[in-house]
């Protein structure tokens, strides 16, 4: 089964309405399937086609954000919105901003991930818990919005295995949103945003935008 079909099947199971309310349901309307709000309907090709005609080189500068229709870049101390379903499922709507985009060669391949652990982002000894992943390939120009000198796209459903808050276990935990991006010229970059749940030790950073570019 493809990743897209597996994601859609998982979302249908998690967000399907409860049956047998026997007149006790306060809201008899079924909850909206998150895939109906996703720009790609939770479907996506496996890889972007690299255009050999593109001579652009260098790295992408990427920022990861959230939002269903408009991208919102989070500030240090903020946390993204987690949307909850009728049966306890949860998901985020994530997106990216890419500086110096290849406007003549539209298309982005994005790998989103959400991980958590009680440690700093650059702690090599840390064991990160995986809470959610999503792979998308965006080629529709209507989904790639020009924002000044940057390109933005957002609204992609990232289903979470559980709420990262439980990993704090009465203490604290750092949650890291990461977006690894490749454009149609083959350039790559990574955007990272991290935030803290609970109260970390005084020497620990409180999180924020740590967007990077990678070759």
Foldseek 3Di string as FASTA:
>chain_A
DDPLVVVQVVQCVQFFDDPDCVPVDPDPDGDDRLLVLAPVSSDADPDAAADPVDPDDDWKFKAKAFDSQDGDGDFQPDDFDWDAHPRQWIKTKMKMKIAQDPVVFFKKKKKKWKWKDQAAPPPPPTDIHTFWIGIHIDRPVVQWDDDPRITMGINHIIITPHPCLVNCVPAKMKMKIKMWMAGSNRHIFMWIWIAMDHDHPPVYDGTGTPTTIDD
